[in-house]
C-alpha cells in the first residue's frame, strides 16, 4: 500500500509573507473554523467525515476550504492512502502543534466569555 503525505509548508505563498508577526499569525489562523479544526486535529488524526460530525454546523465546501488553507499554511498534513476506495486522513503538523498554547488560551477565554454573556443576560 502506497501512501502520500502532503504538507504545503514547503509552498511559499508570497501574498501572505509579511514583516509583521501579528499579521503573519492572523493570516495563518484566519477564518471562523480554523482554530476549531486545529483543536479537533490536535487530539488525533481524523478523516473528513469525522470532522464533519464533530462540527455539524460547517458545510462540506467550507470544511474543504478550511482544510486546504490549513494545509497551505503548513499547520496540518493530509495523507492519501492508495486504496480502493481511497482514504484521506488529516492530522496536525509539528508546526501546527506549536499553536496548542494559543488554542488552550482561546478555549479558556471562551468558557469565561460564555459565563460573562450568561451573566449579562441575567442582568438585563
Foldseek 3Di string as FASTA:
>chain_A
DDKDKAALCVPDDVVLDDPDPVSNVCQQQPDPCRLVVLVVQAVHKDFLVVVCVVPVVDDSVRSVVSQVSNRNNRQKMWMWDPDVVITIIIHGGPVNVVCVVVSVVVVVVVVVVVVVVVVVVVVD
